[in-house]
Amino acid sequence: MNIPEKLALIKRNTQEIVTEEELTALLKTKKQPVVYLGTAVTGRPHIGYYVWVLKMSDFLKAGFKVKILLADIHGALDNTPWEILEKRYVYYSHVIPLMFTSVGADIKNISIVRGSDFQLKKEYILDVLKLSTFTSIHDATKAASEVVKFGDNPKLSGIIYPLMQALDEEYLGADVQYGGLDQRKILMYAREYLPKVNYTSRVEVMTPLIPGLVGKKMSASDPKSKIDLLDSPDDVIKKLHGAYCEAGIVEDNGVLAFLKNVIMVIKQDQKQKFVIERPEKFGGNVHYSTYQEIEDSFVQKKIHPLDLKNAVAKEINVLLGPFQKNRKMLEKISQAGYP
């Protein structure tokens, strides 16, 4: 794969890259760059996580070494009770690798890193304190505002969060940090502030947030807005049937968003078509090679929302097959972390 091909793969379905020029230079000068993504062990992982799983899979194909930070300390800073932190980490450590294998990713160049394994070391803590002497409360609060749940009575922990996330780039040896667009303020904080403690700025890559099933951001704290990884096939169908998917409307349509950012990415990579099954009296089955074809047909009201929902539900259930096979064990672990 040449550099333009690698760049195109990394850019697929991204919202912003800061900066593309730096990313291109990195691809030219380093044989195996390192990209990292951090996920705090807070709410139960849901199918929205597949957006970043697939993007990290793109980085793997582009020759990167991928580091997934299971950020247990960050989870505590964002209000996960300390007494169940370990149990939530255990759940994440089981389901995240399974998500990669369910999309067919080659995981030999993926490493799973636990935050507390390096974030409690003397050198790291000293750097957090150093960075705090350069960072105003205003800037730290601004950086964390779209990620940390501050509430009406914000805690000090919330403004420590972005300082640690910035330093993670250095301590994980990352050349690139990837996150959702809600992470943008933290990523830009890292760009600005790491040089103040004599560390280099990294490339920051962001993908859009996809709407939930009820027309807002998919959220682990709102069961109606997302499909849990352990939902049964019947639950998946039921949730899709209740999803917001108004005929001809693309905006805030979580069904179409998931189709675009997850299902059709997998179909494209596997050179398969997306099939909407319909009785002959309603036109019979239709096959689509690209997401744009589906969206155009939906906007023109050639696809009924219920037919689309049923087709997406079927694909999600295929994706979650490995979780169903291990559901009994995963439910037991999950109940410990999410009593």
Protein backbone atom coordinates (compact mmCIF):
# COMPACT_ATOMS: atom_id res chain seq x y z
CA MET A 1 0.00 0.00 0.00
CA ASN A 2 1.51 3.34 -1.05
CA ILE A 3 1.29 6.59 0.94
CA PRO A 4 -1.73 8.08 -0.91
CA GLU A 5 -3.61 4.80 -0.37
CA LYS A 6 -2.73 4.76 3.33
CA LEU A 7 -3.79 8.39 3.67
CA ALA A 8 -7.10 7.75 1.91
CA LEU A 9 -7.80 4.81 4.23
CA ILE A 10 -7.07 6.84 7.36
CA LYS A 11 -9.18 9.76 6.09
CA ARG A 12 -12.21 7.54 5.38
CA ASN A 13 -15.27 8.80 7.31
CA THR A 14 -13.17 11.25 9.34
CA GLN A 15 -14.39 14.72 10.30
CA GLU A 16 -11.06 16.45 10.89
CA ILE A 17 -7.31 15.76 10.88
CA VAL A 18 -4.92 18.17 12.61
CA THR A 19 -2.92 18.31 10.50
CA GLU A 20 -3.09 16.31 7.28
CA GLU A 21 0.32 17.64 6.26
CA GLU A 22 1.88 16.27 9.45
CA LEU A 23 0.16 12.92 8.92
CA THR A 24 1.52 12.70 5.38
CA ALA A 25 5.02 13.52 6.61
CA LEU A 26 4.70 10.85 9.31
CA LEU A 27 3.71 8.22 6.74
CA LYS A 28 6.74 9.16 4.65
CA THR A 29 9.26 9.05 7.48
CA LYS A 30 8.18 6.26 9.85
CA LYS A 31 7.75 2.64 8.83
CA GLN A 32 5.35 1.69 11.63
CA PRO A 33 3.82 4.73 13.36
CA VAL A 34 1.82 4.36 16.58
CA VAL A 35 -1.79 5.47 17.00
CA TYR A 36 -3.65 5.40 20.26
CA LEU A 37 -7.25 5.66 21.33
CA GLY A 38 -8.33 5.90 24.95
CA THR A 39 -11.67 4.76 26.28
CA ALA A 40 -12.57 5.46 29.91
CA VAL A 41 -14.14 2.49 31.67
CA THR A 42 -17.44 4.19 32.43
CA GLY A 43 -20.72 3.05 30.82
CA ARG A 44 -21.25 -0.33 29.18
CA PRO A 45 -19.79 -0.42 25.66
CA HIS A 46 -22.43 -0.30 22.90
CA ILE A 47 -22.50 -0.64 19.12
CA GLY A 48 -21.45 3.00 18.67
CA TYR A 49 -17.96 1.83 19.69
CA TYR A 50 -17.75 0.06 16.32
CA VAL A 51 -17.08 3.45 14.70
CA TRP A 52 -13.70 3.68 16.39
CA VAL A 53 -13.03 -0.05 16.19
CA LEU A 54 -13.29 0.20 12.40
CA LYS A 55 -11.19 3.36 12.25
CA MET A 56 -8.48 1.68 14.32
CA SER A 57 -8.74 -1.26 11.91
CA ASP A 58 -8.04 1.23 9.09
CA PHE A 59 -4.89 2.34 10.91
CA LEU A 60 -3.85 -1.31 11.21
CA LYS A 61 -4.25 -1.81 7.46
CA ALA A 62 -2.23 1.36 6.88
CA GLY A 63 0.70 -0.20 8.74
CA PHE A 64 0.27 1.38 12.18
CA LYS A 65 0.79 -0.20 15.56
CA VAL A 66 -2.46 0.35 17.49
CA LYS A 67 -2.66 0.95 21.23
CA ILE A 68 -6.04 0.85 22.96
CA LEU A 69 -5.91 2.55 26.34
CA LEU A 70 -8.45 1.15 28.79
CA ALA A 71 -8.43 4.23 30.95
CA ASP A 72 -9.41 3.05 34.41
CA ILE A 73 -8.08 6.13 36.24
CA HIS A 74 -9.92 8.35 33.76
CA GLY A 75 -13.06 6.36 34.53
CA ALA A 76 -12.71 7.25 38.21
CA LEU A 77 -12.08 10.92 37.34
CA ASP A 78 -15.35 10.84 35.39
CA ASN A 79 -17.39 9.58 38.36
CA THR A 80 -17.06 5.81 38.12
CA PRO A 81 -17.04 4.59 41.76
CA TRP A 82 -13.56 3.47 42.79
CA GLU A 83 -14.87 0.23 44.28
CA ILE A 84 -16.14 -1.06 40.91
CA LEU A 85 -13.35 0.35 38.73
CA GLU A 86 -11.52 -2.97 38.56
CA LYS A 87 -14.71 -4.84 37.62
CA ARG A 88 -15.50 -2.41 34.79
CA TYR A 89 -11.94 -2.68 33.52
CA VAL A 90 -12.32 -6.47 33.41
CA TYR A 91 -15.52 -6.16 31.36
CA TYR A 92 -13.90 -3.75 28.88
CA SER A 93 -10.84 -5.98 28.58
CA HIS A 94 -13.11 -8.85 27.47
CA VAL A 95 -15.44 -7.05 25.05
CA ILE A 96 -13.07 -4.65 23.23
CA PRO A 97 -10.86 -7.40 21.71
CA LEU A 98 -14.03 -9.29 20.76
CA MET A 99 -15.26 -6.21 18.86
CA PHE A 100 -12.10 -6.24 16.75
CA THR A 101 -12.35 -9.94 15.97
CA SER A 102 -16.05 -9.56 15.07
CA VAL A 103 -15.12 -7.17 12.22
CA GLY A 104 -12.35 -9.47 11.02
CA ALA A 105 -9.45 -7.26 12.12
CA ASP A 106 -5.95 -8.73 12.30
CA ILE A 107 -5.13 -8.04 15.96
CA LYS A 108 -1.43 -8.97 16.00
CA ASN A 109 -0.44 -5.27 15.97
CA ILE A 110 -2.95 -4.23 18.66
CA SER A 111 -1.92 -3.84 22.27
CA ILE A 112 -4.38 -3.25 25.11
CA VAL A 113 -2.92 -0.98 27.80
CA ARG A 114 -4.33 -0.39 31.25
CA GLY A 115 -4.09 3.24 32.32
CA SER A 116 -3.13 2.65 35.94
CA ASP A 117 -0.17 0.49 34.83
CA PHE A 118 1.74 3.66 33.93
CA GLN A 119 -0.35 6.62 35.14
CA LEU A 120 0.49 6.00 38.81
CA LYS A 121 4.24 6.01 38.30
CA LYS A 122 6.31 8.80 39.82
CA GLU A 123 7.46 10.26 36.48
CA TYR A 124 3.90 10.48 35.13
CA ILE A 125 2.47 12.09 38.27
CA LEU A 126 5.32 14.62 38.24
CA ASP A 127 4.46 15.50 34.63
CA VAL A 128 0.79 15.95 35.55
CA LEU A 129 1.85 18.39 38.26
CA LYS A 130 4.20 20.18 35.87
CA LEU A 131 1.46 20.51 33.26
CA SER A 132 -0.92 21.84 35.90
CA THR A 133 1.41 24.79 36.51
CA PHE A 134 1.01 25.85 32.87
CA THR A 135 -2.75 25.21 32.63
CA SER A 136 -5.42 27.61 33.83
CA ILE A 137 -8.58 26.26 35.43
CA HIS A 138 -10.49 27.91 32.58
CA ASP A 139 -8.50 26.08 29.88
CA ALA A 140 -8.68 22.71 31.64
CA THR A 141 -12.44 23.07 32.18
CA LYS A 142 -12.95 24.12 28.56
CA ALA A 143 -10.91 21.15 27.32
CA ALA A 144 -12.93 18.65 29.36
CA SER A 145 -16.34 20.25 28.87
CA GLU A 146 -17.68 17.89 26.18
CA VAL A 147 -16.26 14.70 27.67
CA VAL A 148 -16.47 14.89 31.47
CA LYS A 149 -19.83 14.87 33.26
CA PHE A 150 -19.34 18.01 35.39
CA GLY A 151 -22.91 18.43 36.71
CA ASP A 152 -24.02 21.35 38.90
CA ASN A 153 -21.17 20.99 41.37
CA PRO A 154 -18.01 20.21 39.31
CA LYS A 155 -15.26 18.18 40.93
CA LEU A 156 -11.55 18.86 40.67
CA SER A 157 -11.08 15.43 39.08
CA GLY A 158 -12.80 16.59 35.89
CA ILE A 159 -10.14 19.18 35.12
CA ILE A 160 -7.28 16.75 35.78
CA TYR A 161 -8.75 14.51 33.07
CA PRO A 162 -7.53 16.44 29.98
CA LEU A 163 -4.03 16.91 31.42
CA MET A 164 -3.67 13.15 31.75
CA GLN A 165 -5.13 12.46 28.31
CA ALA A 166 -2.59 14.84 26.77
CA LEU A 167 0.33 13.18 28.60
CA ASP A 168 -0.89 9.73 27.54
CA GLU A 169 0.29 10.59 24.01
CA GLU A 170 3.86 10.86 25.30
CA TYR A 171 3.79 7.90 27.67
CA LEU A 172 2.24 5.58 25.09
CA GLY A 173 4.80 6.63 22.49
CA ALA A 174 2.01 7.70 20.15
CA ASP A 175 2.49 9.58 16.88
CA VAL A 176 -1.28 9.99 16.43
CA GLN A 177 -4.22 10.20 18.81
CA TYR A 178 -7.64 9.31 17.45
CA GLY A 179 -11.00 10.16 19.00
CA GLY A 180 -14.55 11.25 18.33
CA LEU A 181 -15.34 14.88 17.59
CA ASP A 182 -16.46 15.33 21.21
CA GLN A 183 -12.77 14.91 22.13
CA ARG A 184 -11.68 17.84 19.97
CA LYS A 185 -11.09 20.34 22.78
CA ILE A 186 -8.90 17.86 24.68
CA LEU A 187 -6.95 16.99 21.54
CA MET A 188 -6.36 20.67 20.78
CA TYR A 189 -5.34 21.21 24.40
CA ALA A 190 -2.74 18.45 23.96
CA ARG A 191 -1.44 20.11 20.79
CA GLU A 192 -1.00 23.42 22.58
CA TYR A 193 0.22 22.34 25.99
CA LEU A 194 2.52 19.32 25.53
CA PRO A 195 5.30 21.54 24.12
CA LYS A 196 5.16 23.57 27.35
CA VAL A 197 6.60 20.54 29.17
CA ASN A 198 9.05 19.83 26.32
CA TYR A 199 7.04 17.11 24.55
CA THR A 200 6.10 17.25 20.87
CA SER A 201 2.60 17.78 19.53
CA ARG A 202 0.98 14.79 17.87
CA VAL A 203 -1.34 14.39 14.89
CA GLU A 204 -4.99 14.38 15.99
CA VAL A 205 -7.62 12.47 14.00
CA MET A 206 -11.36 12.80 14.66
CA THR A 207 -14.48 11.06 13.41
CA PRO A 208 -18.04 12.40 13.69
CA LEU A 209 -20.38 11.35 16.48
CA ILE A 210 -23.22 9.23 15.20
CA PRO A 211 -26.79 9.85 16.37
CA GLY A 212 -28.43 7.35 18.69
CA LEU A 213 -31.60 5.48 17.88
CA VAL A 214 -33.74 8.30 19.21
CA GLY A 215 -32.07 11.02 17.17
CA LYS A 216 -29.33 12.21 19.52
CA LYS A 217 -25.79 11.16 20.43
CA MET A 218 -25.59 7.43 21.12
CA SER A 219 -25.08 7.21 24.88
CA ALA A 220 -24.33 4.39 27.29
CA SER A 221 -26.44 6.17 29.91
CA ASP A 222 -29.60 6.17 27.76
CA PRO A 223 -30.71 2.59 26.96
CA LYS A 224 -33.20 3.81 24.34
CA SER A 225 -30.48 5.56 22.35
CA LYS A 226 -28.17 2.59 21.83
CA ILE A 227 -27.90 -1.14 21.31
CA ASP A 228 -25.84 -2.89 23.95
CA LEU A 229 -23.27 -5.46 22.84
CA LEU A 230 -25.11 -8.10 24.86
CA ASP A 231 -28.62 -7.33 23.59
CA SER A 232 -30.40 -10.43 22.29
CA PRO A 233 -31.34 -10.66 18.58
CA ASP A 234 -34.98 -9.95 19.53
CA ASP A 235 -33.90 -6.90 21.58
CA VAL A 236 -31.95 -5.58 18.60
CA ILE A 237 -34.97 -5.91 16.32
CA LYS A 238 -37.25 -4.32 18.91
CA LYS A 239 -34.90 -1.36 19.43
CA LEU A 240 -34.48 -0.83 15.68
CA HIS A 241 -38.26 -0.87 15.22
CA GLY A 242 -38.52 1.88 17.84
CA ALA A 243 -35.72 3.97 16.34
CA TYR A 244 -36.24 7.39 14.82
CA CYS A 245 -36.13 6.89 11.04
CA GLU A 246 -38.58 9.23 9.32
CA ALA A 247 -39.14 8.51 5.62
CA GLY A 248 -36.81 10.56 3.43
CA ILE A 249 -35.04 12.31 6.36
CA VAL A 250 -31.28 11.79 6.81
CA GLU A 251 -30.58 14.31 9.59
CA ASP A 252 -30.36 12.81 13.10
CA ASN A 253 -31.17 9.40 11.62
CA GLY A 254 -29.18 6.97 13.76
CA VAL A 255 -30.14 3.99 11.58
CA LEU A 256 -28.61 5.56 8.47
CA ALA A 257 -25.62 6.87 10.44
CA PHE A 258 -24.75 3.41 11.74
CA LEU A 259 -25.24 1.98 8.27
CA LYS A 260 -22.83 4.55 6.80
CA ASN A 261 -20.11 4.46 9.43
CA VAL A 262 -20.14 0.79 10.35
CA ILE A 263 -22.12 -1.65 8.22
CA MET A 264 -21.19 -0.25 4.80
CA VAL A 265 -17.54 0.10 5.81
CA ILE A 266 -17.49 -3.63 6.59
CA LYS A 267 -19.42 -4.47 3.40
CA GLN A 268 -17.05 -2.38 1.29
CA ASP A 269 -13.97 -4.02 2.78
CA GLN A 270 -15.43 -7.49 2.33
CA LYS A 271 -16.68 -6.63 -1.19
CA GLN A 272 -20.24 -7.53 -0.26
CA LYS A 273 -23.55 -5.85 -1.02
CA PHE A 274 -26.12 -4.63 1.47
CA VAL A 275 -29.42 -6.41 0.92
CA ILE A 276 -32.86 -5.14 1.83
CA GLU A 277 -35.27 -8.03 1.78
CA ARG A 278 -38.82 -7.32 0.65
CA PRO A 279 -41.77 -9.41 -0.55
CA GLU A 280 -42.19 -9.50 -4.32
CA LYS A 281 -45.41 -7.51 -4.04
CA PHE A 282 -43.35 -4.62 -2.61
CA GLY A 283 -40.67 -4.84 -5.31
CA GLY A 284 -38.60 -7.76 -4.06
CA ASN A 285 -35.08 -7.70 -2.66
CA VAL A 286 -32.76 -4.80 -3.48
CA HIS A 287 -28.96 -4.85 -3.41
CA TYR A 288 -26.68 -1.86 -2.77
CA SER A 289 -22.92 -1.54 -3.29
CA THR A 290 -22.43 1.88 -1.65
CA TYR A 291 -23.91 3.86 1.20
CA GLN A 292 -24.67 6.79 -1.11
CA GLU A 293 -26.93 4.57 -3.23
CA ILE A 294 -28.89 3.65 -0.11
CA GLU A 295 -29.18 7.24 1.10
CA ASP A 296 -30.32 8.45 -2.32
CA SER A 297 -33.00 5.77 -2.49
CA PHE A 298 -34.12 6.56 1.06
CA VAL A 299 -34.35 10.30 0.36
CA GLN A 300 -36.39 9.52 -2.76
CA LYS A 301 -38.61 7.32 -0.55
CA LYS A 302 -37.86 4.23 -2.59
CA ILE A 303 -36.94 2.44 0.67
CA HIS A 304 -39.53 2.11 3.40
CA PRO A 305 -38.12 2.88 6.88
CA LEU A 306 -39.30 -0.47 8.27
CA ASP A 307 -37.52 -2.38 5.48
CA LEU A 308 -34.35 -0.44 6.20
CA LYS A 309 -34.65 -1.08 9.94
CA ASN A 310 -35.13 -4.81 9.42
CA ALA A 311 -32.10 -5.02 7.12
CA VAL A 312 -29.90 -3.07 9.57
CA ALA A 313 -31.12 -5.18 12.50
CA LYS A 314 -30.13 -8.33 10.62
CA GLU A 315 -26.61 -6.98 9.99
CA ILE A 316 -26.20 -5.88 13.62
CA ASN A 317 -27.20 -9.34 14.83
CA VAL A 318 -24.55 -10.88 12.57
CA LEU A 319 -21.99 -8.44 14.00
CA LEU A 320 -22.98 -9.30 17.57
CA GLY A 321 -22.88 -13.05 16.94
CA PRO A 322 -19.62 -13.59 18.88
CA PHE A 323 -21.12 -11.78 21.87
CA GLN A 324 -24.18 -14.03 21.83
CA LYS A 325 -21.91 -17.10 21.83
CA ASN A 326 -20.18 -15.78 24.97
CA ARG A 327 -23.20 -14.02 26.44
CA LYS A 328 -23.50 -16.06 29.65
CA MET A 329 -19.89 -15.40 30.67
CA LEU A 330 -20.00 -11.74 29.59
CA GLU A 331 -23.27 -11.08 31.43
CA LYS A 332 -21.73 -12.43 34.62
CA ILE A 333 -18.71 -10.11 34.29
CA SER A 334 -20.94 -7.21 33.32
CA GLN A 335 -23.21 -7.62 36.33
CA ALA A 336 -20.21 -7.25 38.63
CA GLY A 337 -19.27 -3.92 37.06
CA TYR A 338 -22.78 -2.64 36.42
CA PRO A 339 -24.87 -3.94 39.33
